[in-house]
C-alpha cells in the first residue's frame, strides 16, 4: 500500500477552505467543506486505508491554522461515522445544514 494519504486529506481540507464564496472567520467550517472531507475519507477507506490512517490525515499545523479545535473534532467525528458506516455522506451534509438552519 502506498504511503499514508495525510497530505491528500489535508489538501482536500485546505482546498475547500479557500474555495467558493469567502466566509467571515466566525462562520467556521462550511457544510460543503465538511462534505468534501468526508467524501474524500470514504475514497481512502475504499482504497484500503485504516480509519486511524485517515484520521491522522486530519492532524497538522496547516489544518489547525485554518480551523478551530471544535471544527477539527466535528471533522474527526464525521469521518469516523462515515468510515464505520454509521452515517452516509449525505446524512452528514444534511445534519450540518439542519444544524445551521439551512435547506
N, C-alpha and C. Protein backbone atom coordinates (compact mmCIF):
# COMPACT_ATOMS: atom_id res chain seq x y z
N UNK A 1 0.84 -1.17 0.00
CA UNK A 1 0.00 0.00 0.00
C UNK A 1 0.89 1.24 0.00
N UNK A 2 0.53 2.23 -0.81
CA UNK A 2 1.34 3.44 -0.85
C UNK A 2 1.30 4.16 0.48
N UNK A 3 2.10 5.21 0.58
CA UNK A 3 2.19 5.98 1.81
C UNK A 3 0.84 6.49 2.28
N UNK A 4 0.78 6.86 3.51
CA UNK A 4 -0.45 7.35 4.11
C UNK A 4 -0.86 8.66 3.44
N UNK A 5 -2.15 8.85 3.18
CA UNK A 5 -2.63 9.99 2.39
C UNK A 5 -2.81 11.28 3.16
N UNK A 6 -2.00 11.51 4.19
CA UNK A 6 -2.20 12.69 5.03
C UNK A 6 -2.28 13.97 4.20
N UNK A 7 -1.32 14.16 3.35
CA UNK A 7 -1.27 15.40 2.57
C UNK A 7 -2.49 15.54 1.67
N UNK A 8 -2.97 14.40 1.13
CA UNK A 8 -4.14 14.45 0.26
C UNK A 8 -5.38 14.89 1.02
N UNK A 9 -5.54 14.36 2.22
CA UNK A 9 -6.70 14.74 3.02
C UNK A 9 -6.57 16.19 3.48
N UNK A 10 -5.38 16.58 3.89
CA UNK A 10 -5.16 17.98 4.28
C UNK A 10 -5.39 18.90 3.09
N UNK A 11 -4.98 18.46 1.91
CA UNK A 11 -5.19 19.27 0.71
C UNK A 11 -6.68 19.44 0.44
N UNK A 12 -7.46 18.38 0.67
CA UNK A 12 -8.91 18.48 0.48
C UNK A 12 -9.48 19.51 1.44
N UNK A 13 -9.03 19.49 2.69
CA UNK A 13 -9.48 20.47 3.68
C UNK A 13 -9.09 21.87 3.25
N UNK A 14 -7.84 22.03 2.88
CA UNK A 14 -7.32 23.35 2.53
C UNK A 14 -7.98 23.89 1.27
N UNK A 15 -8.18 23.03 0.28
CA UNK A 15 -8.77 23.46 -0.99
C UNK A 15 -10.18 23.99 -0.76
N UNK A 16 -10.94 23.31 0.06
CA UNK A 16 -12.30 23.77 0.29
C UNK A 16 -12.35 24.93 1.27
N UNK A 17 -11.31 25.09 2.06
CA UNK A 17 -11.25 26.26 2.94
C UNK A 17 -11.06 27.53 2.10
N UNK A 18 -10.46 27.38 0.94
CA UNK A 18 -10.17 28.52 0.08
C UNK A 18 -11.16 28.67 -1.07
N UNK A 19 -11.96 27.64 -1.33
CA UNK A 19 -12.85 27.65 -2.49
C UNK A 19 -14.17 28.33 -2.16
N UNK A 20 -14.87 28.68 -3.21
CA UNK A 20 -16.21 29.21 -3.06
C UNK A 20 -16.22 30.62 -2.51
N UNK A 21 -17.41 31.07 -2.12
CA UNK A 21 -17.51 32.42 -1.59
C UNK A 21 -16.72 32.54 -0.28
N UNK A 22 -16.16 33.69 -0.08
CA UNK A 22 -15.37 33.92 1.12
C UNK A 22 -16.34 34.09 2.29
N UNK A 23 -16.11 33.31 3.35
CA UNK A 23 -16.95 33.39 4.53
C UNK A 23 -16.22 34.15 5.62
N UNK A 24 -16.94 34.88 6.44
CA UNK A 24 -16.28 35.53 7.57
C UNK A 24 -15.65 34.48 8.47
N UNK A 25 -14.59 34.83 9.16
CA UNK A 25 -13.89 33.88 10.01
C UNK A 25 -14.82 33.24 11.02
N UNK A 26 -15.81 33.97 11.49
CA UNK A 26 -16.72 33.44 12.51
C UNK A 26 -17.62 32.34 11.95
N UNK A 27 -17.74 32.26 10.63
CA UNK A 27 -18.61 31.24 10.04
C UNK A 27 -18.04 29.85 10.21
N UNK A 28 -16.75 29.71 10.29
CA UNK A 28 -16.13 28.41 10.51
C UNK A 28 -16.26 27.48 9.32
N UNK A 29 -16.23 26.22 9.64
CA UNK A 29 -16.28 25.14 8.65
C UNK A 29 -17.65 25.11 7.98
N UNK A 30 -17.67 25.17 6.67
CA UNK A 30 -18.95 25.12 5.96
C UNK A 30 -19.39 23.68 5.76
N UNK A 31 -20.67 23.51 5.50
CA UNK A 31 -21.20 22.18 5.24
C UNK A 31 -20.59 21.59 3.96
N UNK A 32 -20.33 22.44 2.98
CA UNK A 32 -19.69 21.98 1.75
C UNK A 32 -18.28 21.46 2.00
N UNK A 33 -17.57 22.15 2.88
CA UNK A 33 -16.22 21.71 3.23
C UNK A 33 -16.27 20.37 3.96
N UNK A 34 -17.19 20.25 4.91
CA UNK A 34 -17.35 19.01 5.65
C UNK A 34 -17.69 17.86 4.70
N UNK A 35 -18.61 18.10 3.78
CA UNK A 35 -19.00 17.09 2.80
C UNK A 35 -17.78 16.63 1.99
N UNK A 36 -17.00 17.57 1.51
CA UNK A 36 -15.83 17.23 0.69
C UNK A 36 -14.82 16.37 1.45
N UNK A 37 -14.61 16.70 2.72
CA UNK A 37 -13.64 15.96 3.51
C UNK A 37 -14.13 14.54 3.78
N UNK A 38 -15.40 14.38 4.17
CA UNK A 38 -15.88 13.02 4.44
C UNK A 38 -15.97 12.20 3.15
N UNK A 39 -16.27 12.85 2.05
CA UNK A 39 -16.29 12.15 0.76
C UNK A 39 -14.90 11.62 0.42
N UNK A 40 -13.89 12.44 0.63
CA UNK A 40 -12.51 12.03 0.35
C UNK A 40 -12.07 10.92 1.31
N UNK A 41 -12.51 11.00 2.57
CA UNK A 41 -12.18 9.96 3.55
C UNK A 41 -12.75 8.61 3.14
N UNK A 42 -13.95 8.61 2.60
CA UNK A 42 -14.56 7.36 2.12
C UNK A 42 -13.76 6.80 0.96
N UNK A 43 -13.26 7.65 0.10
CA UNK A 43 -12.42 7.18 -1.00
C UNK A 43 -11.17 6.50 -0.46
N UNK A 44 -10.56 7.09 0.57
CA UNK A 44 -9.38 6.46 1.18
C UNK A 44 -9.74 5.12 1.81
N UNK A 45 -10.90 5.06 2.49
CA UNK A 45 -11.36 3.80 3.08
C UNK A 45 -11.48 2.73 2.00
N UNK A 46 -12.09 3.11 0.89
CA UNK A 46 -12.31 2.16 -0.20
C UNK A 46 -11.00 1.73 -0.86
N UNK A 47 -9.95 2.53 -0.69
CA UNK A 47 -8.63 2.17 -1.21
C UNK A 47 -7.84 1.32 -0.23
N UNK A 48 -8.42 1.06 0.96
CA UNK A 48 -7.79 0.16 1.92
C UNK A 48 -7.07 0.82 3.07
N UNK A 49 -7.19 2.13 3.21
CA UNK A 49 -6.55 2.80 4.34
C UNK A 49 -7.36 2.55 5.61
N UNK A 50 -6.66 2.43 6.73
CA UNK A 50 -7.34 2.22 8.01
C UNK A 50 -7.97 3.53 8.48
N UNK A 51 -8.91 3.39 9.42
CA UNK A 51 -9.53 4.58 10.00
C UNK A 51 -8.47 5.46 10.65
N UNK A 52 -7.55 4.85 11.36
CA UNK A 52 -6.51 5.64 12.03
C UNK A 52 -5.65 6.40 11.02
N UNK A 53 -5.33 5.78 9.90
CA UNK A 53 -4.55 6.48 8.88
C UNK A 53 -5.32 7.68 8.35
N UNK A 54 -6.62 7.50 8.13
CA UNK A 54 -7.43 8.60 7.61
C UNK A 54 -7.54 9.71 8.66
N UNK A 55 -7.78 9.33 9.91
CA UNK A 55 -7.86 10.34 10.97
C UNK A 55 -6.54 11.07 11.16
N UNK A 56 -5.44 10.37 10.97
CA UNK A 56 -4.13 11.02 11.06
C UNK A 56 -3.98 12.10 10.01
N UNK A 57 -4.71 11.96 8.91
CA UNK A 57 -4.70 12.97 7.87
C UNK A 57 -5.33 14.28 8.30
N UNK A 58 -6.05 14.23 9.43
CA UNK A 58 -6.68 15.44 9.95
C UNK A 58 -5.83 16.10 11.03
N UNK A 59 -4.59 15.69 11.13
CA UNK A 59 -3.65 16.31 12.07
C UNK A 59 -2.70 17.20 11.28
N UNK A 60 -2.22 18.22 11.91
CA UNK A 60 -1.21 19.04 11.25
C UNK A 60 -1.42 20.52 11.48
N UNK A 61 -0.34 21.23 11.35
CA UNK A 61 -0.35 22.67 11.60
C UNK A 61 -1.21 23.42 10.59
N UNK A 62 -1.20 22.96 9.32
CA UNK A 62 -1.97 23.64 8.29
C UNK A 62 -3.45 23.68 8.65
N UNK A 63 -3.96 22.51 9.03
CA UNK A 63 -5.38 22.41 9.35
C UNK A 63 -5.69 23.16 10.64
N UNK A 64 -4.83 23.04 11.62
CA UNK A 64 -5.05 23.73 12.90
C UNK A 64 -5.01 25.24 12.74
N UNK A 65 -4.29 25.72 11.74
CA UNK A 65 -4.23 27.16 11.50
C UNK A 65 -5.52 27.67 10.86
N UNK A 66 -6.25 26.81 10.18
CA UNK A 66 -7.45 27.23 9.47
C UNK A 66 -8.75 26.95 10.23
N UNK A 67 -8.73 25.94 11.11
CA UNK A 67 -9.95 25.52 11.79
C UNK A 67 -9.76 25.54 13.30
N UNK A 68 -10.87 25.73 14.00
CA UNK A 68 -10.83 25.67 15.46
C UNK A 68 -10.75 24.21 15.91
N UNK A 69 -10.43 24.02 17.17
CA UNK A 69 -10.37 22.66 17.74
C UNK A 69 -11.74 21.99 17.64
N UNK A 70 -12.82 22.74 17.85
CA UNK A 70 -14.16 22.17 17.74
C UNK A 70 -14.46 21.73 16.31
N UNK A 71 -14.04 22.53 15.33
CA UNK A 71 -14.27 22.17 13.94
C UNK A 71 -13.48 20.92 13.55
N UNK A 72 -12.27 20.81 14.04
CA UNK A 72 -11.48 19.62 13.76
C UNK A 72 -12.14 18.40 14.40
N UNK A 73 -12.71 18.57 15.58
CA UNK A 73 -13.41 17.48 16.24
C UNK A 73 -14.64 17.06 15.44
N UNK A 74 -15.37 18.02 14.89
CA UNK A 74 -16.52 17.71 14.03
C UNK A 74 -16.05 16.91 12.82
N UNK A 75 -14.95 17.33 12.22
CA UNK A 75 -14.40 16.59 11.08
C UNK A 75 -14.07 15.16 11.47
N UNK A 76 -13.38 14.99 12.59
CA UNK A 76 -12.96 13.66 13.04
C UNK A 76 -14.17 12.77 13.33
N UNK A 77 -15.17 13.30 14.01
CA UNK A 77 -16.37 12.52 14.32
C UNK A 77 -17.14 12.16 13.05
N UNK A 78 -17.23 13.10 12.13
CA UNK A 78 -17.94 12.87 10.88
C UNK A 78 -17.23 11.82 10.03
N UNK A 79 -15.91 11.94 9.92
CA UNK A 79 -15.12 10.96 9.17
C UNK A 79 -15.29 9.58 9.79
N UNK A 80 -15.23 9.50 11.11
CA UNK A 80 -15.38 8.21 11.79
C UNK A 80 -16.75 7.60 11.53
N UNK A 81 -17.81 8.40 11.64
CA UNK A 81 -19.16 7.89 11.43
C UNK A 81 -19.34 7.35 10.01
N UNK A 82 -18.84 8.09 9.03
CA UNK A 82 -18.98 7.66 7.64
C UNK A 82 -18.10 6.44 7.37
N UNK A 83 -16.88 6.48 7.86
CA UNK A 83 -15.94 5.37 7.65
C UNK A 83 -16.53 4.07 8.18
N UNK A 84 -17.13 4.12 9.38
CA UNK A 84 -17.67 2.91 10.02
C UNK A 84 -19.07 2.53 9.51
N UNK A 85 -19.63 3.36 8.65
CA UNK A 85 -20.95 3.06 8.10
C UNK A 85 -22.10 3.44 9.02
N UNK A 86 -21.82 4.26 10.03
CA UNK A 86 -22.86 4.70 10.95
C UNK A 86 -23.67 5.87 10.39
N UNK A 87 -23.17 6.49 9.34
CA UNK A 87 -23.85 7.59 8.66
C UNK A 87 -23.33 7.64 7.23
N UNK A 88 -24.18 8.12 6.35
CA UNK A 88 -23.75 8.30 4.96
C UNK A 88 -23.20 9.72 4.80
N UNK A 89 -22.52 9.94 3.70
CA UNK A 89 -22.00 11.28 3.40
C UNK A 89 -23.17 12.27 3.33
N UNK A 90 -24.25 11.85 2.68
CA UNK A 90 -25.41 12.73 2.55
C UNK A 90 -26.05 13.03 3.90
N UNK A 91 -26.07 12.04 4.80
CA UNK A 91 -26.63 12.27 6.14
C UNK A 91 -25.80 13.29 6.91
N UNK A 92 -24.49 13.21 6.76
CA UNK A 92 -23.61 14.18 7.43
C UNK A 92 -23.89 15.58 6.90
N UNK A 93 -23.99 15.71 5.58
CA UNK A 93 -24.25 17.02 4.97
C UNK A 93 -25.62 17.55 5.39
N UNK A 94 -26.63 16.68 5.42
CA UNK A 94 -27.97 17.10 5.82
C UNK A 94 -27.98 17.55 7.28
N UNK A 95 -27.34 16.78 8.16
CA UNK A 95 -27.28 17.14 9.58
C UNK A 95 -26.60 18.49 9.76
N UNK A 96 -25.55 18.73 8.99
CA UNK A 96 -24.84 20.00 9.06
C UNK A 96 -25.76 21.15 8.65
N UNK A 97 -26.44 20.98 7.51
CA UNK A 97 -27.34 22.04 7.03
C UNK A 97 -28.48 22.28 8.03
N UNK A 98 -29.04 21.20 8.58
CA UNK A 98 -30.13 21.35 9.55
C UNK A 98 -29.65 22.06 10.82
N UNK A 99 -28.46 21.74 11.27
CA UNK A 99 -27.91 22.36 12.47
C UNK A 99 -27.71 23.87 12.26
N UNK A 100 -27.50 24.26 11.03
CA UNK A 100 -27.29 25.68 10.72
C UNK A 100 -28.55 26.37 10.24
N UNK A 101 -29.65 25.62 10.19
CA UNK A 101 -30.91 26.19 9.74
C UNK A 101 -30.96 26.42 8.25
N UNK A 102 -30.13 25.70 7.50
CA UNK A 102 -30.10 25.83 6.03
C UNK A 102 -30.99 24.75 5.44
N UNK A 103 -31.40 24.97 4.19
CA UNK A 103 -32.22 23.97 3.50
C UNK A 103 -31.46 23.31 2.41
